[in-house]
PDB file of N, CA and C in Angstrom:
ATOM      1  N   UNK A   1     105.401 185.631 203.800  1.00  0.00           N
ATOM      2  CA  UNK A   1     105.977 186.198 202.585  1.00  0.00           C
ATOM      3  C   UNK A   1     104.865 186.653 201.749  1.00  0.00           C
ATOM      4  N   UNK A   2     104.952 187.845 201.191  1.00  0.00           N
ATOM      5  CA  UNK A   2     103.977 188.457 200.316  1.00  0.00           C
ATOM      6  C   UNK A   2     104.288 188.099 198.859  1.00  0.00           C
ATOM      7  N   UNK A   3     103.298 187.616 198.179  1.00  0.00           N
ATOM      8  CA  UNK A   3     103.373 187.190 196.739  1.00  0.00           C
ATOM      9  C   UNK A   3     103.450 188.483 195.872  1.00  0.00           C
ATOM     10  N   UNK A   4     104.320 188.439 194.866  1.00  0.00           N
ATOM     11  CA  UNK A   4     104.325 189.469 193.972  1.00  0.00           C
ATOM     12  C   UNK A   4     103.132 189.378 192.930  1.00  0.00           C
ATOM     13  N   UNK A   5     102.956 190.562 192.281  1.00  0.00           N
ATOM     14  CA  UNK A   5     101.898 190.504 191.288  1.00  0.00           C
ATOM     15  C   UNK A   5     102.053 189.379 190.189  1.00  0.00           C
ATOM     16  N   UNK A   6     103.288 189.174 189.796  1.00  0.00           N
ATOM     17  CA  UNK A   6     103.607 188.124 188.768  1.00  0.00           C
ATOM     18  C   UNK A   6     103.330 186.783 189.338  1.00  0.00           C
ATOM     19  N   UNK A   7     103.673 186.438 190.613  1.00  0.00           N
ATOM     20  CA  UNK A   7     103.325 185.193 191.362  1.00  0.00           C
ATOM     21  C   UNK A   7     101.823 185.037 191.425  1.00  0.00           C
ATOM     22  N   UNK A   8     101.108 186.103 191.686  1.00  0.00           N
ATOM     23  CA  UNK A   8      99.652 186.049 191.829  1.00  0.00           C
ATOM     24  C   UNK A   8      99.085 185.605 190.414  1.00  0.00           C
ATOM     25  N   UNK A   9      99.509 186.326 189.408  1.00  0.00           N
ATOM     26  CA  UNK A   9      99.036 186.040 188.092  1.00  0.00           C
ATOM     27  C   UNK A   9      99.374 184.647 187.660  1.00  0.00           C
ATOM     28  N   UNK A  10     100.600 184.051 187.871  1.00  0.00           N
ATOM     29  CA  UNK A  10     100.902 182.724 187.566  1.00  0.00           C
ATOM     30  C   UNK A  10      99.994 181.739 188.334  1.00  0.00           C
ATOM     31  N   UNK A  11      99.765 182.010 189.601  1.00  0.00           N
ATOM     32  CA  UNK A  11      98.818 181.180 190.386  1.00  0.00           C
ATOM     33  C   UNK A  11      97.475 181.153 189.837  1.00  0.00           C
ATOM     34  N   UNK A  12      96.894 182.326 189.531  1.00  0.00           N
ATOM     35  CA  UNK A  12      95.610 182.468 188.930  1.00  0.00           C
ATOM     36  C   UNK A  12      95.464 181.761 187.668  1.00  0.00           C
ATOM     37  N   UNK A  13      96.527 181.770 186.826  1.00  0.00           N
ATOM     38  CA  UNK A  13      96.505 181.243 185.537  1.00  0.00           C
ATOM     39  C   UNK A  13      96.481 179.654 185.566  1.00  0.00           C
ATOM     40  N   UNK A  14      96.855 179.070 186.700  1.00  0.00           N
ATOM     41  CA  UNK A  14      96.965 177.645 186.791  1.00  0.00           C
ATOM     42  C   UNK A  14      95.480 177.090 186.884  1.00  0.00           C
ATOM     43  N   UNK A  15      94.645 177.739 187.477  1.00  0.00           N
ATOM     44  CA  UNK A  15      93.253 177.165 187.749  1.00  0.00           C
ATOM     45  C   UNK A  15      92.535 176.827 186.536  1.00  0.00           C
ATOM     46  N   UNK A  16      92.559 177.620 185.484  1.00  0.00           N
ATOM     47  CA  UNK A  16      91.700 177.295 184.273  1.00  0.00           C
ATOM     48  C   UNK A  16      92.405 176.013 183.583  1.00  0.00           C
ATOM     49  N   UNK A  17      93.658 175.888 183.617  1.00  0.00           N
ATOM     50  CA  UNK A  17      94.335 174.707 183.053  1.00  0.00           C
ATOM     51  C   UNK A  17      93.980 173.415 183.869  1.00  0.00           C
ATOM     52  N   UNK A  18      93.899 173.595 185.141  1.00  0.00           N
ATOM     53  CA  UNK A  18      93.577 172.374 185.962  1.00  0.00           C
ATOM     54  C   UNK A  18      92.122 171.922 185.646  1.00  0.00           C
ATOM     55  N   UNK A  19      91.235 173.002 185.513  1.00  0.00           N
ATOM     56  CA  UNK A  19      89.840 172.652 185.234  1.00  0.00           C
ATOM     57  C   UNK A  19      89.759 171.948 183.873  1.00  0.00           C
ATOM     58  N   UNK A  20      90.467 172.564 182.836  1.00  0.00           N
ATOM     59  CA  UNK A  20      90.332 172.033 181.550  1.00  0.00           C
ATOM     60  C   UNK A  20      90.937 170.612 181.498  1.00  0.00           C
ATOM     61  N   UNK A  21      91.957 170.396 182.184  1.00  0.00           N
ATOM     62  CA  UNK A  21      92.519 169.076 182.161  1.00  0.00           C
ATOM     63  C   UNK A  21      91.559 168.062 182.833  1.00  0.00           C
ATOM     64  N   UNK A  22      91.026 168.440 183.946  1.00  0.00           N
ATOM     65  CA  UNK A  22      90.041 167.566 184.495  1.00  0.00           C
ATOM     66  C   UNK A  22      88.790 167.250 183.615  1.00  0.00           C
ATOM     67  N   UNK A  23      88.324 168.337 182.863  1.00  0.00           N
ATOM     68  CA  UNK A  23      87.138 168.156 181.964  1.00  0.00           C
ATOM     69  C   UNK A  23      87.591 167.298 180.788  1.00  0.00           C
ATOM     70  N   UNK A  24      88.760 167.364 180.320  1.00  0.00           N
ATOM     71  CA  UNK A  24      89.204 166.520 179.239  1.00  0.00           C
ATOM     72  C   UNK A  24      89.256 165.078 179.655  1.00  0.00           C
ATOM     73  N   UNK A  25      89.902 164.970 180.887  1.00  0.00           N
ATOM     74  CA  UNK A  25      90.018 163.498 181.413  1.00  0.00           C
ATOM     75  C   UNK A  25      88.609 162.996 181.635  1.00  0.00           C
ATOM     76  N   UNK A  26      87.657 163.747 182.121  1.00  0.00           N
ATOM     77  CA  UNK A  26      86.333 163.233 182.352  1.00  0.00           C
ATOM     78  C   UNK A  26      85.727 162.774 181.014  1.00  0.00           C
ATOM     79  N   UNK A  27      85.954 163.584 179.945  1.00  0.00           N
ATOM     80  CA  UNK A  27      85.386 163.181 178.618  1.00  0.00           C
ATOM     81  C   UNK A  27      86.001 161.921 178.141  1.00  0.00           C
ATOM     82  N   UNK A  28      87.336 161.804 178.295  1.00  0.00           N
ATOM     83  CA  UNK A  28      87.972 160.559 177.834  1.00  0.00           C
ATOM     84  C   UNK A  28      87.528 159.377 178.635  1.00  0.00           C
ATOM     85  N   UNK A  29      87.324 159.532 179.885  1.00  0.00           N
ATOM     86  CA  UNK A  29      86.812 158.434 180.786  1.00  0.00           C
ATOM     87  C   UNK A  29      85.398 158.031 180.282  1.00  0.00           C
ATOM     88  N   UNK A  30      84.553 159.037 180.077  1.00  0.00           N
ATOM     89  CA  UNK A  30      83.172 158.761 179.623  1.00  0.00           C
ATOM     90  C   UNK A  30      83.187 158.064 178.299  1.00  0.00           C
ATOM     91  N   UNK A  31      84.115 158.565 177.377  1.00  0.00           N
ATOM     92  CA  UNK A  31      84.194 157.919 176.070  1.00  0.00           C
ATOM     93  C   UNK A  31      84.623 156.330 176.176  1.00  0.00           C
ATOM     94  N   UNK A  32      85.619 156.083 177.011  1.00  0.00           N
ATOM     95  CA  UNK A  32      86.072 154.743 177.119  1.00  0.00           C
ATOM     96  C   UNK A  32      85.002 153.910 177.805  1.00  0.00           C
ATOM     97  N   UNK A  33      84.392 154.445 178.772  1.00  0.00           N
ATOM     98  CA  UNK A  33      83.342 153.652 179.460  1.00  0.00           C
ATOM     99  C   UNK A  33      82.151 153.327 178.523  1.00  0.00           C
ATOM    100  N   UNK A  34      81.690 154.426 177.801  1.00  0.00           N
ATOM    101  CA  UNK A  34      80.530 154.122 176.806  1.00  0.00           C
ATOM    102  C   UNK A  34      80.961 153.167 175.767  1.00  0.00           C
ATOM    103  N   UNK A  35      82.224 153.158 175.337  1.00  0.00           N
ATOM    104  CA  UNK A  35      82.719 152.208 174.385  1.00  0.00           C
ATOM    105  C   UNK A  35      82.688 150.763 174.853  1.00  0.00           C
ATOM    106  N   UNK A  36      83.206 150.625 176.069  1.00  0.00           N
ATOM    107  CA  UNK A  36      83.147 149.256 176.696  1.00  0.00           C
ATOM    108  C   UNK A  36      81.628 148.731 176.810  1.00  0.00           C
ATOM    109  N   UNK A  37      80.728 149.666 177.239  1.00  0.00           N
ATOM    110  CA  UNK A  37      79.316 149.323 177.421  1.00  0.00           C
ATOM    111  C   UNK A  37      78.745 148.929 176.086  1.00  0.00           C
ATOM    112  N   UNK A  38      79.059 149.654 175.101  1.00  0.00           N
ATOM    113  CA  UNK A  38      78.523 149.355 173.716  1.00  0.00           C
ATOM    114  C   UNK A  38      79.019 147.980 173.247  1.00  0.00           C
ATOM    115  N   UNK A  39      80.267 147.575 173.457  1.00  0.00           N
ATOM    116  CA  UNK A  39      80.740 146.298 173.170  1.00  0.00           C
ATOM    117  C   UNK A  39      80.081 145.196 173.867  1.00  0.00           C
ATOM    118  N   UNK A  40      79.876 145.418 175.195  1.00  0.00           N
ATOM    119  CA  UNK A  40      79.059 144.489 176.002  1.00  0.00           C
ATOM    120  C   UNK A  40      77.699 144.277 175.468  1.00  0.00           C
ATOM    121  N   UNK A  41      77.044 145.363 175.200  1.00  0.00           N
ATOM    122  CA  UNK A  41      75.758 145.300 174.693  1.00  0.00           C
ATOM    123  C   UNK A  41      75.632 144.556 173.300  1.00  0.00           C
ATOM    124  N   UNK A  42      76.630 144.805 172.436  1.00  0.00           N
ATOM    125  CA  UNK A  42      76.730 144.132 171.162  1.00  0.00           C
ATOM    126  C   UNK A  42      76.917 142.632 171.400  1.00  0.00           C
ATOM    127  N   UNK A  43      77.828 142.270 172.258  1.00  0.00           N
ATOM    128  CA  UNK A  43      78.018 140.779 172.630  1.00  0.00           C
ATOM    129  C   UNK A  43      76.774 140.155 173.171  1.00  0.00           C
ATOM    130  N   UNK A  44      76.044 140.913 174.027  1.00  0.00           N
ATOM    131  CA  UNK A  44      74.715 140.477 174.633  1.00  0.00           C
ATOM    132  C   UNK A  44      73.740 140.089 173.509  1.00  0.00           C
ATOM    133  N   UNK A  45      73.610 141.047 172.480  1.00  0.00           N
ATOM    134  CA  UNK A  45      72.693 140.805 171.391  1.00  0.00           C
ATOM    135  C   UNK A  45      73.160 139.623 170.533  1.00  0.00           C
ATOM    136  N   UNK A  46      74.391 139.463 170.320  1.00  0.00           N
ATOM    137  CA  UNK A  46      74.848 138.280 169.635  1.00  0.00           C
ATOM    138  C   UNK A  46      74.657 137.037 170.358  1.00  0.00           C
ATOM    139  N   UNK A  47      74.925 137.097 171.690  1.00  0.00           N
ATOM    140  CA  UNK A  47      74.648 135.920 172.503  1.00  0.00           C
ATOM    141  C   UNK A  47      73.109 135.511 172.435  1.00  0.00           C
ATOM    142  N   UNK A  48      72.357 136.514 172.570  1.00  0.00           N
ATOM    143  CA  UNK A  48      70.845 136.141 172.680  1.00  0.00           C
ATOM    144  C   UNK A  48      70.282 135.632 171.342  1.00  0.00           C
ATOM    145  N   UNK A  49      70.988 135.944 170.278  1.00  0.00           N
ATOM    146  CA  UNK A  49      70.575 135.522 169.024  1.00  0.00           C
ATOM    147  C   UNK A  49      71.359 134.419 168.455  1.00  0.00           C
ATOM    148  N   UNK A  50      72.227 133.843 169.184  1.00  0.00           N
ATOM    149  CA  UNK A  50      73.184 132.734 168.675  1.00  0.00           C
ATOM    150  C   UNK A  50      72.370 131.470 168.448  1.00  0.00           C
ATOM    151  N   UNK A  51      72.942 130.671 167.508  1.00  0.00           N
ATOM    152  CA  UNK A  51      72.153 129.464 167.076  1.00  0.00           C
ATOM    153  C   UNK A  51      72.653 128.233 168.030  1.00  0.00           C
ATOM    154  N   UNK A  52      73.819 128.322 168.557  1.00  0.00           N
ATOM    155  CA  UNK A  52      74.321 127.173 169.244  1.00  0.00           C
ATOM    156  C   UNK A  52      74.794 127.511 170.731  1.00  0.00           C
ATOM    157  N   UNK A  53      74.842 126.553 171.581  1.00  0.00           N
ATOM    158  CA  UNK A  53      75.230 126.736 172.914  1.00  0.00           C
ATOM    159  C   UNK A  53      76.692 127.136 172.935  1.00  0.00           C
ATOM    160  N   UNK A  54      77.588 126.617 172.082  1.00  0.00           N
ATOM    161  CA  UNK A  54      78.958 127.024 172.084  1.00  0.00           C
ATOM    162  C   UNK A  54      79.121 128.510 171.716  1.00  0.00           C
ATOM    163  N   UNK A  55      78.365 128.986 170.716  1.00  0.00           N
ATOM    164  CA  UNK A  55      78.389 130.385 170.415  1.00  0.00           C
ATOM    165  C   UNK A  55      77.904 131.260 171.609  1.00  0.00           C
ATOM    166  N   UNK A  56      76.847 130.772 172.332  1.00  0.00           N
ATOM    167  CA  UNK A  56      76.452 131.623 173.469  1.00  0.00           C
ATOM    168  C   UNK A  56      77.507 131.646 174.466  1.00  0.00           C
ATOM    169  N   UNK A  57      78.150 130.474 174.738  1.00  0.00           N
ATOM    170  CA  UNK A  57      79.235 130.440 175.786  1.00  0.00           C
ATOM    171  C   UNK A  57      80.327 131.430 175.345  1.00  0.00           C
ATOM    172  N   UNK A  58      80.655 131.435 174.104  1.00  0.00           N
ATOM    173  CA  UNK A  58      81.774 132.246 173.604  1.00  0.00           C
ATOM    174  C   UNK A  58      81.436 133.733 173.771  1.00  0.00           C
ATOM    175  N   UNK A  59      80.232 134.122 173.421  1.00  0.00           N
ATOM    176  CA  UNK A  59      79.825 135.571 173.583  1.00  0.00           C
ATOM    177  C   UNK A  59      79.741 135.902 175.061  1.00  0.00           C
ATOM    178  N   UNK A  60      79.328 134.967 175.870  1.00  0.00           N
ATOM    179  CA  UNK A  60      79.243 135.299 177.330  1.00  0.00           C
ATOM    180  C   UNK A  60      80.669 135.442 177.782  1.00  0.00           C
ATOM    181  N   UNK A  61      81.600 134.592 177.409  1.00  0.00           N
ATOM    182  CA  UNK A  61      82.985 134.762 177.878  1.00  0.00           C
ATOM    183  C   UNK A  61      83.604 136.071 177.434  1.00  0.00           C
ATOM    184  N   UNK A  62      83.304 136.588 176.187  1.00  0.00           N
ATOM    185  CA  UNK A  62      83.694 137.876 175.749  1.00  0.00           C
ATOM    186  C   UNK A  62      83.069 138.958 176.535  1.00  0.00           C
ATOM    187  N   UNK A  63      81.813 138.793 176.874  1.00  0.00           N
ATOM    188  CA  UNK A  63      81.159 139.864 177.649  1.00  0.00           C
ATOM    189  C   UNK A  63      81.768 139.911 179.050  1.00  0.00           C
ATOM    190  N   UNK A  64      82.077 138.793 179.561  1.00  0.00           N
ATOM    191  CA  UNK A  64      82.699 138.741 180.972  1.00  0.00           C
ATOM    192  C   UNK A  64      84.134 139.441 180.965  1.00  0.00           C
ATOM    193  N   UNK A  65      84.822 139.091 179.836  1.00  0.00           N
ATOM    194  CA  UNK A  65      86.197 139.670 179.697  1.00  0.00           C
ATOM    195  C   UNK A  65      86.147 141.221 179.561  1.00  0.00           C
ATOM    196  N   UNK A  66      85.241 141.669 178.715  1.00  0.00           N
ATOM    197  CA  UNK A  66      85.160 143.139 178.523  1.00  0.00           C
ATOM    198  C   UNK A  66      84.663 143.767 179.784  1.00  0.00           C
ATOM    199  N   UNK A  67      83.737 143.133 180.428  1.00  0.00           N
ATOM    200  CA  UNK A  67      83.215 143.707 181.745  1.00  0.00           C
ATOM    201  C   UNK A  67      84.349 143.718 182.884  1.00  0.00           C
ATOM    202  N   UNK A  68      85.174 142.654 182.930  1.00  0.00           N
ATOM    203  CA  UNK A  68      86.291 142.787 183.875  1.00  0.00           C
ATOM    204  C   UNK A  68      87.291 143.854 183.421  1.00  0.00           C
ATOM    205  N   UNK A  69      87.533 144.006 182.196  1.00  0.00           N
ATOM    206  CA  UNK A  69      88.386 145.132 181.747  1.00  0.00           C
ATOM    207  C   UNK A  69      87.856 146.470 182.103  1.00  0.00           C
ATOM    208  N   UNK A  70      86.643 146.627 181.903  1.00  0.00           N
ATOM    209  CA  UNK A  70      85.884 147.900 182.317  1.00  0.00           C
ATOM    210  C   UNK A  70      85.993 148.210 183.832  1.00  0.00           C
ATOM    211  N   UNK A  71      85.812 147.149 184.545  1.00  0.00           N
ATOM    212  CA  UNK A  71      85.840 147.309 185.960  1.00  0.00           C
ATOM    213  C   UNK A  71      87.273 147.596 186.381  1.00  0.00           C
ATOM    214  N   UNK A  72      88.313 147.060 185.832  1.00  0.00           N
ATOM    215  CA  UNK A  72      89.703 147.327 186.085  1.00  0.00           C
ATOM    216  C   UNK A  72      89.927 148.862 185.764  1.00  0.00           C
ATOM    217  N   UNK A  73      89.481 149.332 184.577  1.00  0.00           N
ATOM    218  CA  UNK A  73      89.667 150.681 184.227  1.00  0.00           C
ATOM    219  C   UNK A  73      88.993 151.635 185.167  1.00  0.00           C
ATOM    220  N   UNK A  74      87.779 151.315 185.560  1.00  0.00           N
ATOM    221  CA  UNK A  74      87.107 152.190 186.589  1.00  0.00           C
ATOM    222  C   UNK A  74      87.832 152.133 187.945  1.00  0.00           C
ATOM    223  N   UNK A  75      88.265 150.963 188.350  1.00  0.00           N
ATOM    224  CA  UNK A  75      89.069 150.981 189.620  1.00  0.00           C
ATOM    225  C   UNK A  75      90.284 151.703 189.654  1.00  0.00           C
ATOM    226  N   UNK A  76      90.995 151.627 188.516  1.00  0.00           N
ATOM    227  CA  UNK A  76      92.247 152.337 188.297  1.00  0.00           C
ATOM    228  C   UNK A  76      92.014 153.843 188.334  1.00  0.00           C
ATOM    229  N   UNK A  77      90.938 154.283 187.588  1.00  0.00           N
ATOM    230  CA  UNK A  77      90.681 155.666 187.581  1.00  0.00           C
ATOM    231  C   UNK A  77      90.341 156.190 188.876  1.00  0.00           C
ATOM    232  N   UNK A  78      89.534 155.404 189.602  1.00  0.00           N
ATOM    233  CA  UNK A  78      89.127 155.810 190.964  1.00  0.00           C
ATOM    234  C   UNK A  78      90.298 155.855 191.938  1.00  0.00           C
ATOM    235  N   UNK A  79      91.216 154.931 191.814  1.00  0.00           N
ATOM    236  CA  UNK A  79      92.411 154.912 192.567  1.00  0.00           C
ATOM    237  C   UNK A  79      93.258 156.121 192.228  1.00  0.00           C
ATOM    238  N   UNK A  80      93.445 156.385 191.020  1.00  0.00           N
ATOM    239  CA  UNK A  80      94.150 157.604 190.594  1.00  0.00           C
ATOM    240  C   UNK A  80      93.579 158.904 191.022  1.00  0.00           C
ATOM    241  N   UNK A  81      92.332 158.931 191.051  1.00  0.00           N
ATOM    242  CA  UNK A  81      91.519 160.167 191.466  1.00  0.00           C
ATOM    243  C   UNK A  81      91.794 160.330 192.965  1.00  0.00           C
ATOM    244  N   UNK A  82      91.681 159.274 193.725  1.00  0.00           N
ATOM    245  CA  UNK A  82      91.943 159.344 195.151  1.00  0.00           C
ATOM    246  C   UNK A  82      93.345 159.722 195.546  1.00  0.00           C
ATOM    247  N   UNK A  83      94.287 159.202 194.728  1.00  0.00           N
ATOM    248  CA  UNK A  83      95.721 159.551 194.971  1.00  0.00           C
ATOM    249  C   UNK A  83      96.085 160.960 194.660  1.00  0.00           C
ATOM    250  N   UNK A  84      95.365 161.595 193.553  1.00  0.00           N
ATOM    251  CA  UNK A  84      95.571 162.907 193.172  1.00  0.00           C
ATOM    252  C   UNK A  84      94.963 163.927 194.194  1.00  0.00           C
ATOM    253  N   UNK A  85      93.963 163.509 194.898  1.00  0.00           N
ATOM    254  CA  UNK A  85      93.189 164.369 195.827  1.00  0.00           C
ATOM    255  C   UNK A  85      93.923 164.646 197.022  1.00  0.00           C
TER     256      UNK A  85
END
């Protein structure tokens, strides 16, 4: 089947949108990952400067929790990217 000029135009117009969507999603992913990493770094500094062992344990627990959340986010995004490909 031969594509009409309108069909060709529609198909060629899809590509920039797909690229833009991927670029936006990449920026969102980078933003979320950087945010999690900043929170982990913040907790690390608080843990290292804490006065008591209970504070250190609490900050470590929070670091671990945010780290697990970040890993789940990365795993889900990777799974979603594989599924889309």
